[in-house]
N, C-alpha and C. Protein backbone atom coordinates (compact mmCIF):
# COMPACT_ATOMS: atom_id res chain seq x y z
N MET A 1 -4.77 73.73 17.64
CA MET A 1 -5.14 72.98 16.43
C MET A 1 -6.02 72.03 16.88
N PRO A 2 -7.35 72.08 16.60
CA PRO A 2 -8.47 71.06 17.03
C PRO A 2 -8.21 69.68 16.20
N ILE A 3 -8.61 68.66 17.42
CA ILE A 3 -8.53 67.18 16.73
C ILE A 3 -9.62 66.80 15.99
N ASP A 4 -9.55 66.24 14.95
CA ASP A 4 -10.76 65.94 14.06
C ASP A 4 -11.15 64.25 14.06
N LEU A 5 -10.12 63.69 14.54
CA LEU A 5 -10.36 62.09 14.34
C LEU A 5 -9.86 61.69 15.96
N ILE A 6 -10.26 60.51 16.57
CA ILE A 6 -9.95 59.96 17.68
C ILE A 6 -9.63 58.52 17.49
N CYS A 7 -8.48 57.93 17.36
CA CYS A 7 -8.26 56.66 17.18
C CYS A 7 -8.25 55.93 18.51
N LEU A 8 -8.90 54.76 18.55
CA LEU A 8 -8.69 54.13 19.94
C LEU A 8 -8.49 52.48 19.90
N ASP A 9 -7.43 52.02 20.49
CA ASP A 9 -7.17 50.48 20.35
C ASP A 9 -8.49 50.00 21.07
N ALA A 10 -8.53 48.63 21.00
CA ALA A 10 -9.73 47.89 21.58
C ALA A 10 -9.45 46.79 22.84
N ASP A 11 -8.33 45.97 22.68
CA ASP A 11 -7.98 45.12 23.59
C ASP A 11 -7.04 45.74 24.69
N ASP A 12 -7.65 45.67 25.98
CA ASP A 12 -7.00 46.32 26.93
C ASP A 12 -6.93 47.82 27.18
N THR A 13 -7.85 48.27 26.12
CA THR A 13 -7.96 49.78 26.25
C THR A 13 -9.42 50.03 26.49
N LEU A 14 -10.25 49.49 25.86
CA LEU A 14 -11.69 49.41 26.08
C LEU A 14 -12.26 48.41 26.77
N TRP A 15 -11.51 47.27 26.72
CA TRP A 15 -12.13 46.12 27.53
C TRP A 15 -10.81 44.95 27.91
N HIS A 16 -11.01 44.45 28.66
CA HIS A 16 -10.17 43.41 29.52
C HIS A 16 -9.52 42.43 28.10
N ASN A 17 -8.25 42.13 28.13
CA ASN A 17 -7.71 41.05 27.19
C ASN A 17 -6.92 40.08 27.80
N MET A 18 -5.85 40.91 28.38
CA MET A 18 -4.79 40.09 28.69
C MET A 18 -4.76 39.04 30.03
N ARG A 19 -5.70 39.60 30.54
CA ARG A 19 -6.01 38.24 31.82
C ARG A 19 -6.42 37.15 31.34
N PHE A 20 -7.15 37.33 30.01
CA PHE A 20 -7.65 35.83 29.78
C PHE A 20 -6.44 35.12 28.77
N PHE A 21 -5.51 35.68 28.56
CA PHE A 21 -4.32 35.47 27.96
C PHE A 21 -3.56 34.48 29.10
N ALA A 22 -3.42 35.14 30.30
CA ALA A 22 -2.86 34.81 31.04
C ALA A 22 -3.20 33.65 31.82
N ALA A 23 -4.68 33.51 31.71
CA ALA A 23 -5.40 32.16 32.19
C ALA A 23 -5.07 31.06 31.46
N ALA A 24 -4.94 31.31 29.94
CA ALA A 24 -4.75 30.19 29.14
C ALA A 24 -3.35 29.91 29.47
N GLU A 25 -2.21 30.76 29.39
CA GLU A 25 -0.86 30.42 29.55
C GLU A 25 -0.51 29.70 30.72
N GLU A 26 -1.42 29.91 31.93
CA GLU A 26 -1.51 29.41 33.17
C GLU A 26 -1.79 27.81 33.09
N ALA A 27 -2.67 27.45 32.28
CA ALA A 27 -3.51 26.40 31.94
C ALA A 27 -2.33 25.60 31.06
N PHE A 28 -1.57 26.05 30.07
CA PHE A 28 -0.93 25.71 29.38
C PHE A 28 0.10 24.92 30.06
N ALA A 29 0.74 25.91 31.29
CA ALA A 29 2.15 25.51 31.96
C ALA A 29 1.23 24.30 32.95
N GLY A 30 0.26 24.34 33.10
CA GLY A 30 -0.35 23.11 34.07
C GLY A 30 -0.56 21.86 33.13
N LEU A 31 -0.79 21.77 31.88
CA LEU A 31 -0.74 20.71 31.17
C LEU A 31 0.92 20.19 30.96
N ILE A 32 1.38 21.14 30.81
CA ILE A 32 3.30 20.74 30.37
C ILE A 32 3.81 20.42 31.54
N ALA A 33 3.18 20.51 32.76
CA ALA A 33 4.04 20.31 34.10
C ALA A 33 4.52 19.03 34.03
N PRO A 34 3.94 18.27 33.94
CA PRO A 34 4.77 16.62 33.91
C PRO A 34 6.03 16.56 33.03
N PHE A 35 6.14 17.49 32.28
CA PHE A 35 7.30 17.28 31.12
C PHE A 35 8.41 18.63 31.28
N ALA A 36 7.89 19.66 31.63
CA ALA A 36 8.92 20.96 31.80
C ALA A 36 8.49 21.76 32.81
N ASP A 37 9.49 22.45 33.40
CA ASP A 37 9.18 23.35 34.37
C ASP A 37 8.58 24.34 33.92
N ALA A 38 7.53 25.12 34.56
CA ALA A 38 6.79 26.27 34.57
C ALA A 38 7.24 27.37 33.99
N GLY A 39 8.51 27.65 34.57
CA GLY A 39 9.31 28.78 33.88
C GLY A 39 9.59 28.67 32.54
N ILE A 40 10.21 27.50 32.14
CA ILE A 40 10.58 27.04 30.79
C ILE A 40 9.61 27.06 29.80
N ALA A 41 8.58 26.54 30.61
CA ALA A 41 7.25 26.18 29.52
C ALA A 41 6.97 27.72 28.94
N ARG A 42 6.91 28.86 29.77
CA ARG A 42 6.28 29.92 29.79
C ARG A 42 7.18 30.62 28.52
N GLU A 43 8.53 30.43 28.97
CA GLU A 43 9.66 31.21 28.17
C GLU A 43 9.50 30.71 26.85
N THR A 44 9.52 29.24 26.87
CA THR A 44 9.29 28.96 25.43
C THR A 44 8.02 29.36 24.53
N LEU A 45 7.25 29.19 25.04
CA LEU A 45 5.74 29.67 24.62
C LEU A 45 6.10 30.99 24.32
N ALA A 46 6.56 32.11 25.16
CA ALA A 46 6.65 33.32 24.61
C ALA A 46 7.59 33.53 23.32
N ALA A 47 8.71 32.78 23.24
CA ALA A 47 9.53 32.67 22.00
C ALA A 47 8.87 32.21 20.87
N THR A 48 7.95 31.28 20.92
CA THR A 48 7.22 30.92 19.78
C THR A 48 6.15 31.54 19.51
N GLU A 49 5.58 32.26 20.41
CA GLU A 49 4.34 33.44 20.00
C GLU A 49 5.03 34.38 19.11
N ILE A 50 6.26 34.91 19.41
CA ILE A 50 7.13 36.04 18.69
C ILE A 50 7.32 35.66 17.30
N ARG A 51 7.72 34.31 17.56
CA ARG A 51 8.32 33.79 15.88
C ARG A 51 7.13 33.54 15.22
N ASN A 52 6.05 33.02 15.64
CA ASN A 52 4.98 32.99 14.55
C ASN A 52 4.37 34.00 14.13
N LEU A 53 4.55 35.07 14.64
CA LEU A 53 3.27 36.46 14.40
C LEU A 53 3.54 36.63 12.96
N GLN A 54 4.72 36.50 12.22
CA GLN A 54 4.89 36.67 10.92
C GLN A 54 3.98 35.54 10.02
N HIS A 55 4.05 34.60 10.90
CA HIS A 55 3.09 33.67 9.77
C HIS A 55 1.36 33.56 10.19
N TYR A 56 1.35 33.92 11.49
CA TYR A 56 -0.21 33.67 11.73
C TYR A 56 -0.76 35.05 12.58
N GLY A 57 0.08 35.98 12.80
CA GLY A 57 -0.46 37.19 13.11
C GLY A 57 -0.85 37.41 14.58
N TYR A 58 -1.73 38.29 15.08
CA TYR A 58 -2.03 38.15 16.51
C TYR A 58 -3.28 37.65 16.86
N GLY A 59 -3.51 37.15 18.14
CA GLY A 59 -4.78 36.88 18.34
C GLY A 59 -4.81 35.47 18.88
N ALA A 60 -6.38 35.16 19.36
CA ALA A 60 -6.11 33.74 20.19
C ALA A 60 -6.01 32.41 19.23
N LYS A 61 -6.17 32.56 18.11
CA LYS A 61 -5.99 31.53 17.13
C LYS A 61 -4.49 31.39 17.09
N SER A 62 -3.91 32.52 16.68
CA SER A 62 -2.25 32.45 16.74
C SER A 62 -1.70 31.91 17.80
N PHE A 63 -2.17 32.31 19.11
CA PHE A 63 -1.71 31.79 20.64
C PHE A 63 -2.16 30.25 20.39
N THR A 64 -3.03 29.63 19.92
CA THR A 64 -3.47 28.25 20.47
C THR A 64 -2.32 27.79 19.28
N LEU A 65 -2.12 27.93 18.23
CA LEU A 65 -1.14 26.98 17.44
C LEU A 65 -0.02 27.27 18.09
N SER A 66 0.57 28.03 18.84
CA SER A 66 1.70 28.65 19.52
C SER A 66 1.78 27.53 20.54
N MET A 67 0.84 27.33 21.35
CA MET A 67 0.79 26.45 22.23
C MET A 67 1.07 24.96 21.80
N ILE A 68 0.39 24.49 20.98
CA ILE A 68 0.61 23.21 20.36
C ILE A 68 2.11 23.27 19.79
N GLU A 69 2.44 24.00 18.84
CA GLU A 69 3.85 23.92 18.73
C GLU A 69 4.80 23.85 19.97
N THR A 70 4.62 24.66 20.89
CA THR A 70 5.57 24.84 22.07
C THR A 70 5.47 23.56 22.41
N ALA A 71 4.45 22.67 22.54
CA ALA A 71 4.13 21.33 23.36
C ALA A 71 5.10 20.35 22.68
N CYS A 72 4.82 20.37 21.23
CA CYS A 72 5.83 19.60 20.48
C CYS A 72 7.20 19.85 20.61
N GLU A 73 7.64 20.86 21.03
CA GLU A 73 8.92 20.74 21.13
C GLU A 73 9.53 20.60 22.66
N LEU A 74 8.35 20.88 23.47
CA LEU A 74 8.97 20.41 24.96
C LEU A 74 8.76 19.00 25.13
N CYS A 75 7.70 18.41 24.75
CA CYS A 75 7.20 16.84 25.28
C CYS A 75 6.47 16.01 23.99
N PRO A 76 7.54 15.94 22.74
CA PRO A 76 7.48 15.42 21.53
C PRO A 76 6.84 14.00 21.86
N ASP A 77 7.20 13.34 22.80
CA ASP A 77 6.81 11.74 22.88
C ASP A 77 5.57 11.87 23.67
N ALA A 78 5.20 12.73 24.31
CA ALA A 78 4.06 12.72 25.14
C ALA A 78 2.74 13.32 24.12
N LEU A 79 2.79 13.98 23.37
CA LEU A 79 1.74 14.82 22.54
C LEU A 79 1.05 13.91 21.81
N ASN A 80 -0.05 13.45 22.62
CA ASN A 80 -1.15 12.34 22.06
C ASN A 80 -2.53 13.45 21.98
N ALA A 81 -3.49 12.66 21.32
CA ALA A 81 -4.43 13.26 20.90
C ALA A 81 -5.38 13.83 22.41
N THR A 82 -5.03 13.48 23.62
CA THR A 82 -5.67 14.02 24.82
C THR A 82 -5.10 15.20 24.90
N LEU A 83 -3.76 15.33 25.01
CA LEU A 83 -3.01 16.60 25.43
C LEU A 83 -3.43 17.60 24.36
N VAL A 84 -3.35 17.55 23.04
CA VAL A 84 -3.69 18.13 22.01
C VAL A 84 -5.09 18.76 22.13
N SER A 85 -6.26 17.85 22.57
CA SER A 85 -7.45 18.22 22.93
C SER A 85 -7.65 19.21 23.85
N ARG A 86 -6.65 18.97 24.56
CA ARG A 86 -6.97 20.12 26.30
C ARG A 86 -6.19 21.31 25.89
N LEU A 87 -5.36 21.31 24.65
CA LEU A 87 -4.58 22.36 24.51
C LEU A 87 -5.48 23.33 23.63
N LEU A 88 -6.27 22.65 22.86
CA LEU A 88 -7.39 23.30 22.10
C LEU A 88 -8.33 23.75 22.73
N GLU A 89 -8.60 23.24 24.06
CA GLU A 89 -9.80 23.76 24.96
C GLU A 89 -9.30 24.99 25.33
N ALA A 90 -8.03 25.35 26.03
CA ALA A 90 -7.73 26.07 26.52
C ALA A 90 -7.53 27.29 25.43
N GLY A 91 -7.11 26.98 24.31
CA GLY A 91 -7.40 28.05 23.20
C GLY A 91 -8.86 28.84 23.16
N ARG A 92 -9.96 27.73 22.91
CA ARG A 92 -11.18 27.89 22.58
C ARG A 92 -11.70 29.03 23.93
N THR A 93 -11.29 28.83 24.99
CA THR A 93 -11.77 29.76 25.97
C THR A 93 -11.23 31.17 25.71
N LEU A 94 -10.14 31.42 25.13
CA LEU A 94 -9.83 32.78 24.47
C LEU A 94 -10.83 33.34 23.65
N LEU A 95 -11.57 32.25 22.66
CA LEU A 95 -12.44 32.94 21.74
C LEU A 95 -13.90 33.23 22.40
N ALA A 96 -14.06 32.38 23.40
CA ALA A 96 -15.47 32.25 24.00
C ALA A 96 -15.72 33.31 25.47
N HIS A 97 -14.52 33.90 25.91
CA HIS A 97 -14.48 34.72 27.18
C HIS A 97 -15.40 36.01 26.81
N PRO A 98 -16.20 36.24 28.02
CA PRO A 98 -17.21 37.47 27.87
C PRO A 98 -16.12 38.73 27.73
N VAL A 99 -16.79 39.83 27.25
CA VAL A 99 -16.45 41.04 26.64
C VAL A 99 -16.49 41.80 28.16
N GLU A 100 -15.44 42.18 28.95
CA GLU A 100 -15.64 42.83 29.93
C GLU A 100 -14.94 44.45 29.98
N LEU A 101 -15.90 45.42 29.86
CA LEU A 101 -15.38 46.88 29.71
C LEU A 101 -14.85 47.36 30.86
N PHE A 102 -14.03 48.17 30.58
CA PHE A 102 -13.24 48.77 31.90
C PHE A 102 -14.31 49.83 32.11
N GLU A 103 -14.05 50.22 33.52
CA GLU A 103 -15.00 50.88 34.30
C GLU A 103 -15.36 52.20 33.56
N GLY A 104 -16.37 52.84 33.38
CA GLY A 104 -16.98 54.17 32.49
C GLY A 104 -16.49 54.26 31.09
N ILE A 105 -16.07 53.29 30.28
CA ILE A 105 -15.70 53.19 28.98
C ILE A 105 -16.88 53.81 28.19
N ALA A 106 -18.17 53.18 28.49
CA ALA A 106 -19.30 53.89 27.23
C ALA A 106 -19.32 55.35 27.63
N ASP A 107 -19.51 55.97 29.02
CA ASP A 107 -19.31 57.47 28.93
C ASP A 107 -18.22 58.13 28.73
N THR A 108 -16.93 57.46 28.64
CA THR A 108 -15.61 58.06 28.11
C THR A 108 -15.99 58.21 26.52
N LEU A 109 -16.34 57.32 25.88
CA LEU A 109 -16.51 57.33 24.36
C LEU A 109 -17.52 58.32 24.14
N ASP A 110 -18.67 58.45 24.92
CA ASP A 110 -19.66 59.52 24.70
C ASP A 110 -19.02 60.81 24.60
N ALA A 111 -18.08 61.17 25.63
CA ALA A 111 -17.76 62.51 25.58
C ALA A 111 -16.76 62.62 24.52
N LEU A 112 -15.88 61.60 24.28
CA LEU A 112 -15.15 61.89 23.15
C LEU A 112 -15.54 62.01 21.58
N ALA A 113 -16.67 61.43 21.51
CA ALA A 113 -17.54 61.48 20.39
C ALA A 113 -18.06 62.80 20.17
N GLU A 114 -18.18 63.62 21.29
CA GLU A 114 -18.68 64.87 21.25
C GLU A 114 -17.50 66.10 20.61
N ARG A 115 -16.39 65.69 20.74
CA ARG A 115 -15.35 66.20 20.31
C ARG A 115 -14.70 65.98 18.72
N ALA A 116 -14.99 64.82 18.29
CA ALA A 116 -14.28 64.31 17.02
C ALA A 116 -14.93 62.98 16.57
N ARG A 117 -14.71 62.56 15.20
CA ARG A 117 -15.22 61.00 14.94
C ARG A 117 -14.17 60.25 15.92
N LEU A 118 -14.74 58.79 15.81
CA LEU A 118 -14.08 57.83 16.69
C LEU A 118 -13.99 56.86 15.66
N VAL A 119 -12.59 56.42 15.76
CA VAL A 119 -12.49 55.02 14.83
C VAL A 119 -11.92 54.19 15.87
N LEU A 120 -12.00 52.87 15.57
CA LEU A 120 -11.57 51.46 16.41
C LEU A 120 -10.44 51.20 15.56
N VAL A 121 -9.04 51.06 16.04
CA VAL A 121 -8.06 50.55 15.42
C VAL A 121 -7.51 49.43 16.04
N THR A 122 -7.67 48.07 16.05
CA THR A 122 -7.08 47.04 16.71
C THR A 122 -6.65 45.98 15.76
N LYS A 123 -5.51 45.18 16.01
CA LYS A 123 -4.94 44.29 15.92
C LYS A 123 -5.83 42.70 16.18
N GLY A 124 -5.69 41.79 15.22
CA GLY A 124 -5.67 40.37 15.60
C GLY A 124 -6.79 39.96 14.59
N ASP A 125 -7.39 38.72 14.86
CA ASP A 125 -8.14 38.12 14.05
C ASP A 125 -9.28 38.57 13.65
N LEU A 126 -9.72 38.86 12.19
CA LEU A 126 -10.96 39.78 12.00
C LEU A 126 -12.31 39.12 12.58
N LEU A 127 -12.43 37.88 12.65
CA LEU A 127 -13.78 37.50 12.98
C LEU A 127 -13.81 37.64 14.54
N HIS A 128 -12.80 37.31 15.38
CA HIS A 128 -12.83 37.29 16.74
C HIS A 128 -13.08 38.68 17.14
N GLN A 129 -12.17 39.81 16.50
CA GLN A 129 -12.50 41.12 16.80
C GLN A 129 -13.80 41.65 16.36
N GLU A 130 -14.25 41.40 15.55
CA GLU A 130 -15.56 41.65 15.13
C GLU A 130 -16.84 41.19 16.16
N ALA A 131 -16.25 39.82 16.74
CA ALA A 131 -17.49 39.46 17.68
C ALA A 131 -17.29 40.09 18.89
N LYS A 132 -16.14 40.39 19.47
CA LYS A 132 -16.16 41.29 20.61
C LYS A 132 -16.59 42.62 20.43
N LEU A 133 -16.27 43.20 19.28
CA LEU A 133 -16.87 44.35 19.29
C LEU A 133 -18.45 44.49 19.40
N ALA A 134 -19.30 43.34 18.72
CA ALA A 134 -20.43 43.34 18.67
C ALA A 134 -21.12 42.93 20.06
N ALA A 135 -20.31 42.16 20.86
CA ALA A 135 -20.74 41.74 22.26
C ALA A 135 -20.41 43.05 23.11
N SER A 136 -19.31 44.15 22.83
CA SER A 136 -19.33 45.06 23.57
C SER A 136 -20.35 46.09 23.71
N GLY A 137 -21.17 46.23 22.70
CA GLY A 137 -22.37 47.26 22.57
C GLY A 137 -21.74 48.47 22.16
N LEU A 138 -20.53 48.79 21.97
CA LEU A 138 -19.94 49.96 21.86
C LEU A 138 -19.75 50.49 20.16
N GLY A 139 -20.43 49.39 19.45
CA GLY A 139 -20.08 49.79 17.79
C GLY A 139 -20.68 50.70 17.57
N ASP A 140 -21.88 51.10 17.78
CA ASP A 140 -22.55 52.47 17.17
C ASP A 140 -21.89 53.63 17.52
N ARG A 141 -20.90 53.72 18.17
CA ARG A 141 -20.10 54.92 18.61
C ARG A 141 -18.97 55.38 17.73
N PHE A 142 -18.71 54.27 17.06
CA PHE A 142 -17.54 54.50 16.14
C PHE A 142 -17.94 54.70 14.46
N ALA A 143 -17.09 55.88 13.86
CA ALA A 143 -17.52 56.00 12.46
C ALA A 143 -17.13 55.24 11.78
N GLY A 144 -15.98 54.56 12.24
CA GLY A 144 -15.13 53.34 11.50
C GLY A 144 -14.75 52.38 12.51
N VAL A 145 -14.41 51.31 11.59
CA VAL A 145 -13.54 50.40 12.40
C VAL A 145 -12.37 49.70 11.74
N GLU A 146 -11.40 49.69 11.98
CA GLU A 146 -10.22 49.32 11.18
C GLU A 146 -9.42 48.10 12.20
N ILE A 147 -9.77 46.61 11.49
CA ILE A 147 -8.96 45.56 11.84
C ILE A 147 -7.79 45.54 11.14
N VAL A 148 -6.69 45.51 11.73
CA VAL A 148 -5.42 45.26 10.87
C VAL A 148 -4.45 44.21 11.30
N SER A 149 -3.51 43.76 10.61
CA SER A 149 -2.61 42.51 10.62
C SER A 149 -1.15 43.29 11.96
N ASP A 150 -1.21 44.56 11.60
CA ASP A 150 -0.26 44.90 12.49
C ASP A 150 -0.34 46.73 12.59
N LYS A 151 0.13 47.42 13.59
CA LYS A 151 0.11 48.77 13.42
C LYS A 151 1.50 49.65 13.13
N THR A 152 1.77 50.09 12.34
CA THR A 152 3.21 50.61 11.81
C THR A 152 2.75 52.04 11.27
N SER A 153 3.82 53.05 11.19
CA SER A 153 3.47 54.27 10.68
C SER A 153 2.56 54.31 9.53
N ALA A 154 3.09 53.09 8.51
CA ALA A 154 2.22 53.34 7.19
C ALA A 154 0.84 53.20 7.48
N THR A 155 0.50 52.08 8.24
CA THR A 155 -0.89 51.64 8.85
C THR A 155 -1.35 53.25 8.96
N PHE A 156 -0.94 54.18 9.94
CA PHE A 156 -1.68 55.20 10.39
C PHE A 156 -1.97 56.04 9.22
N GLU A 157 -0.74 56.20 8.40
CA GLU A 157 -0.86 57.22 7.14
C GLU A 157 -1.66 56.95 6.34
N ARG A 158 -2.01 55.67 5.93
CA ARG A 158 -3.15 55.41 5.02
C ARG A 158 -4.31 55.33 5.69
N LEU A 159 -4.55 55.23 7.09
CA LEU A 159 -5.96 55.30 7.89
C LEU A 159 -6.23 57.15 7.80
N PHE A 160 -5.25 57.82 8.08
CA PHE A 160 -5.46 59.26 8.07
C PHE A 160 -6.07 59.81 6.67
N GLY A 161 -5.43 59.11 5.61
CA GLY A 161 -5.65 59.41 4.24
C GLY A 161 -7.16 58.95 3.80
N ARG A 162 -7.59 57.69 4.59
CA ARG A 162 -8.84 57.37 4.34
C ARG A 162 -9.81 58.14 4.67
N TYR A 163 -9.58 58.65 5.90
CA TYR A 163 -10.53 59.51 6.59
C TYR A 163 -10.36 61.06 6.33
N GLY A 164 -9.20 61.17 5.67
CA GLY A 164 -9.51 62.60 5.00
C GLY A 164 -9.13 63.63 6.15
N VAL A 165 -8.14 63.24 7.10
CA VAL A 165 -7.92 64.11 8.14
C VAL A 165 -6.28 64.31 7.78
N GLU A 166 -5.53 65.66 8.40
CA GLU A 166 -4.23 65.81 8.48
C GLU A 166 -3.67 64.81 9.61
N PRO A 167 -2.48 64.44 9.99
CA PRO A 167 -2.33 63.69 11.05
C PRO A 167 -2.04 64.53 12.24
N ALA A 168 -1.73 65.88 12.05
CA ALA A 168 -1.74 66.90 13.28
C ALA A 168 -2.96 67.21 13.87
N ARG A 169 -4.46 66.77 13.22
CA ARG A 169 -5.38 66.71 13.79
C ARG A 169 -6.06 65.40 14.41
N ALA A 170 -4.94 64.36 14.44
CA ALA A 170 -5.56 63.10 14.74
C ALA A 170 -4.74 62.67 15.97
N VAL A 171 -5.31 61.98 16.82
CA VAL A 171 -5.02 61.17 17.90
C VAL A 171 -5.13 59.81 18.13
N MET A 172 -4.09 59.10 18.63
CA MET A 172 -4.21 57.58 18.80
C MET A 172 -4.07 57.25 20.41
N ALA A 173 -4.86 56.61 20.83
CA ALA A 173 -4.87 56.18 22.25
C ALA A 173 -4.84 54.72 22.38
N GLY A 174 -4.06 54.11 23.26
CA GLY A 174 -4.31 52.76 23.40
C GLY A 174 -3.05 52.53 24.67
N ASP A 175 -2.88 51.06 24.86
CA ASP A 175 -2.08 50.64 25.94
C ASP A 175 -0.75 50.20 25.47
N SER A 176 -0.61 50.07 24.20
CA SER A 176 0.86 49.69 23.75
C SER A 176 1.67 50.83 23.22
N MET A 177 2.79 50.97 23.80
CA MET A 177 3.63 51.96 23.36
C MET A 177 4.09 51.45 22.31
N ARG A 178 4.64 50.10 21.88
CA ARG A 178 5.00 49.76 20.39
C ARG A 178 4.16 49.72 19.55
N SER A 179 2.89 49.73 19.65
CA SER A 179 2.11 49.36 18.79
C SER A 179 1.06 50.64 18.36
N ASP A 180 0.62 51.39 19.61
CA ASP A 180 -0.38 52.43 19.40
C ASP A 180 0.48 53.81 19.38
N VAL A 181 1.33 53.96 20.37
CA VAL A 181 1.88 55.00 20.40
C VAL A 181 3.12 55.62 19.41
N LEU A 182 3.95 54.74 19.52
CA LEU A 182 5.13 55.04 18.47
C LEU A 182 5.06 55.32 17.05
N PRO A 183 3.97 54.40 16.44
CA PRO A 183 3.77 54.61 15.13
C PRO A 183 3.02 55.60 14.79
N ALA A 184 1.92 55.76 15.74
CA ALA A 184 0.90 57.05 15.28
C ALA A 184 1.80 58.52 15.38
N LEU A 185 2.80 58.53 16.53
CA LEU A 185 3.70 59.80 16.44
C LEU A 185 4.47 59.87 15.38
N ALA A 186 5.07 58.63 14.90
CA ALA A 186 5.86 58.50 13.45
C ALA A 186 5.14 59.09 12.49
N ALA A 187 3.88 58.89 12.59
CA ALA A 187 2.78 59.21 11.08
C ALA A 187 2.44 60.65 11.43
N GLY A 188 3.01 61.41 12.53
CA GLY A 188 2.55 62.69 12.41
C GLY A 188 1.51 63.02 13.71
N ALA A 189 0.79 62.21 14.11
CA ALA A 189 -0.18 62.33 14.98
C ALA A 189 0.11 62.63 16.42
N TRP A 190 -0.86 62.93 17.37
CA TRP A 190 -0.83 62.79 18.89
C TRP A 190 -0.90 61.19 19.24
N ALA A 191 -0.34 61.35 20.55
CA ALA A 191 -0.69 59.67 20.74
C ALA A 191 -0.85 59.45 22.45
N ALA A 192 -1.65 59.20 22.94
CA ALA A 192 -2.14 58.86 24.40
C ALA A 192 -1.63 57.58 24.66
N PHE A 193 -0.83 57.26 25.95
CA PHE A 193 -0.20 55.96 26.45
C PHE A 193 -1.39 55.67 27.71
N VAL A 194 -1.94 54.82 27.51
CA VAL A 194 -2.86 54.30 28.77
C VAL A 194 -2.43 52.88 29.22
N PRO A 195 -1.26 52.97 29.98
CA PRO A 195 -1.04 51.43 30.17
C PRO A 195 -1.92 50.65 31.37
N GLN A 196 -2.03 49.36 31.21
CA GLN A 196 -2.57 48.35 32.05
C GLN A 196 -1.69 47.29 32.56
N GLN A 197 -2.13 46.86 33.88
CA GLN A 197 -1.22 46.03 34.37
C GLN A 197 -1.42 44.80 33.76
N GLY A 198 -0.34 44.22 33.83
CA GLY A 198 -0.04 42.67 32.75
C GLY A 198 -0.31 42.79 31.56
N GLY A 199 0.36 43.95 30.93
CA GLY A 199 0.33 43.96 29.53
C GLY A 199 1.72 43.04 28.94
N TRP A 200 1.48 42.83 27.88
CA TRP A 200 2.04 41.55 26.90
C TRP A 200 3.73 42.63 26.82
N SER A 201 4.68 41.89 27.26
CA SER A 201 6.11 42.35 27.27
C SER A 201 6.45 42.81 25.88
N HIS A 202 6.06 42.14 24.74
CA HIS A 202 6.13 42.30 23.28
C HIS A 202 5.80 43.72 23.01
N GLU A 203 4.61 44.23 23.73
CA GLU A 203 4.28 45.23 23.13
C GLU A 203 4.86 46.55 24.24
N ALA A 204 5.79 46.28 24.92
CA ALA A 204 6.63 47.39 25.63
C ALA A 204 7.65 47.78 24.89
N ALA A 205 7.83 49.38 24.95
CA ALA A 205 8.89 50.04 24.26
C ALA A 205 9.34 51.22 24.75
N PRO A 206 10.54 51.97 24.75
CA PRO A 206 11.13 53.10 25.68
C PRO A 206 10.05 54.22 25.29
N PRO A 207 9.37 55.25 25.94
CA PRO A 207 8.45 56.01 25.65
C PRO A 207 9.52 57.07 24.61
N PRO A 208 8.57 58.04 23.83
CA PRO A 208 9.41 58.58 22.73
C PRO A 208 10.40 59.76 23.40
N GLU A 209 11.35 59.88 23.00
CA GLU A 209 12.02 60.97 23.23
C GLU A 209 11.43 62.66 23.39
N ASP A 210 10.86 62.55 21.90
CA ASP A 210 10.23 63.98 21.60
C ASP A 210 8.53 63.97 22.50
N ARG A 211 8.42 64.56 23.42
CA ARG A 211 7.24 64.42 23.84
C ARG A 211 5.95 65.42 23.68
N SER A 212 6.37 66.20 22.65
CA SER A 212 5.49 67.39 22.68
C SER A 212 4.25 66.90 22.13
N ARG A 213 4.10 65.72 21.48
CA ARG A 213 2.56 65.15 20.94
C ARG A 213 2.54 64.12 21.83
N PHE A 214 2.91 63.67 22.96
CA PHE A 214 2.68 62.67 23.48
C PHE A 214 2.17 62.85 25.15
N ARG A 215 1.18 61.91 25.34
CA ARG A 215 1.04 61.89 27.04
C ARG A 215 0.63 60.83 27.45
N GLN A 216 0.78 60.40 28.82
CA GLN A 216 0.67 59.08 29.45
C GLN A 216 -0.50 59.26 30.25
N LEU A 217 -1.49 58.47 30.13
CA LEU A 217 -2.65 58.90 31.17
C LEU A 217 -2.96 58.07 32.17
N ALA A 218 -3.63 58.06 33.28
CA ALA A 218 -3.70 57.00 34.11
C ALA A 218 -4.95 56.13 33.56
N ARG A 219 -6.10 56.61 32.89
CA ARG A 219 -7.05 55.66 32.44
C ARG A 219 -7.40 56.56 31.37
N LEU A 220 -8.32 55.99 30.24
CA LEU A 220 -8.99 56.44 28.97
C LEU A 220 -9.72 57.65 29.37
N ALA A 221 -10.29 57.92 30.87
CA ALA A 221 -11.45 58.97 31.07
C ALA A 221 -10.54 60.35 30.82
N GLU A 222 -9.33 60.37 31.09
CA GLU A 222 -8.46 61.59 30.94
C GLU A 222 -8.55 61.95 29.57
N LEU A 223 -8.73 61.23 28.72
CA LEU A 223 -8.65 61.79 27.12
C LEU A 223 -9.27 62.62 26.91
N PRO A 224 -10.53 62.98 27.14
CA PRO A 224 -11.19 64.23 26.48
C PRO A 224 -10.65 65.67 27.07
N ASP A 225 -10.09 65.70 28.23
CA ASP A 225 -9.63 66.97 28.88
C ASP A 225 -8.16 67.26 28.01
N TRP A 226 -7.29 65.83 27.68
CA TRP A 226 -6.13 66.42 27.08
C TRP A 226 -6.32 66.85 25.46
N ILE A 227 -7.54 66.19 24.92
CA ILE A 227 -7.70 66.86 23.42
C ILE A 227 -8.54 67.89 23.60
N ASP A 228 -9.01 68.43 24.67
CA ASP A 228 -9.51 69.74 25.03
C ASP A 228 -7.94 70.88 24.91
N ALA A 229 -7.23 70.23 25.71
CA ALA A 229 -6.06 71.09 25.93
C ALA A 229 -5.26 71.28 24.69
N ILE A 230 -5.32 70.18 23.59
CA ILE A 230 -4.69 70.33 22.10
C ILE A 230 -5.18 71.21 21.51
N GLY A 231 -6.71 71.40 21.61
CA GLY A 231 -7.49 72.33 20.84
C GLY A 231 -7.31 73.54 21.26
């Protein structure tokens, strides 16, 4: 059965992302070092991030608020204007970092566009994700862009309906087992997992038990051949 719709994640699928969050986390640990061990600082920040997803969603702004909240918890008596300012500066670096594409991404998208319509499906802050897509120079290759608060099976079901495609004729590819692969499979689509080094632990999950519509790829450039095999 041919594929009519190819859905692609953005962060850490088309361009680097987590390396910049890792740098911001390192800066946070350095700022908190006089008051808390680096391991405790990172562990507390991670717990705060997860707790705040329901309030702030995903992205750099949510991460910045979580850094400030974690500082309030770990060093309340030392949280002066200078420290807050430096935490905000660390957060702003996430909003200003350059968009660095993975090698060969433009050629891969061109090859995929020859096979089916492309739709970008990404989580995060609307303004920031739009800015990164514009800076990437890849926008014209997509028939649609979906910036969502989260990726669930219902998200993909609505998306397939919006683009008028049967789930069995759609494929989702991304670096997150939790957000890209499992919900797309649950919605009836095919799914390709393209893991990246340094991925966020929150996005990890066991692979699907039924692997008939699932494939793990070493890089996104392998996706066109898998789609041809599906067809």
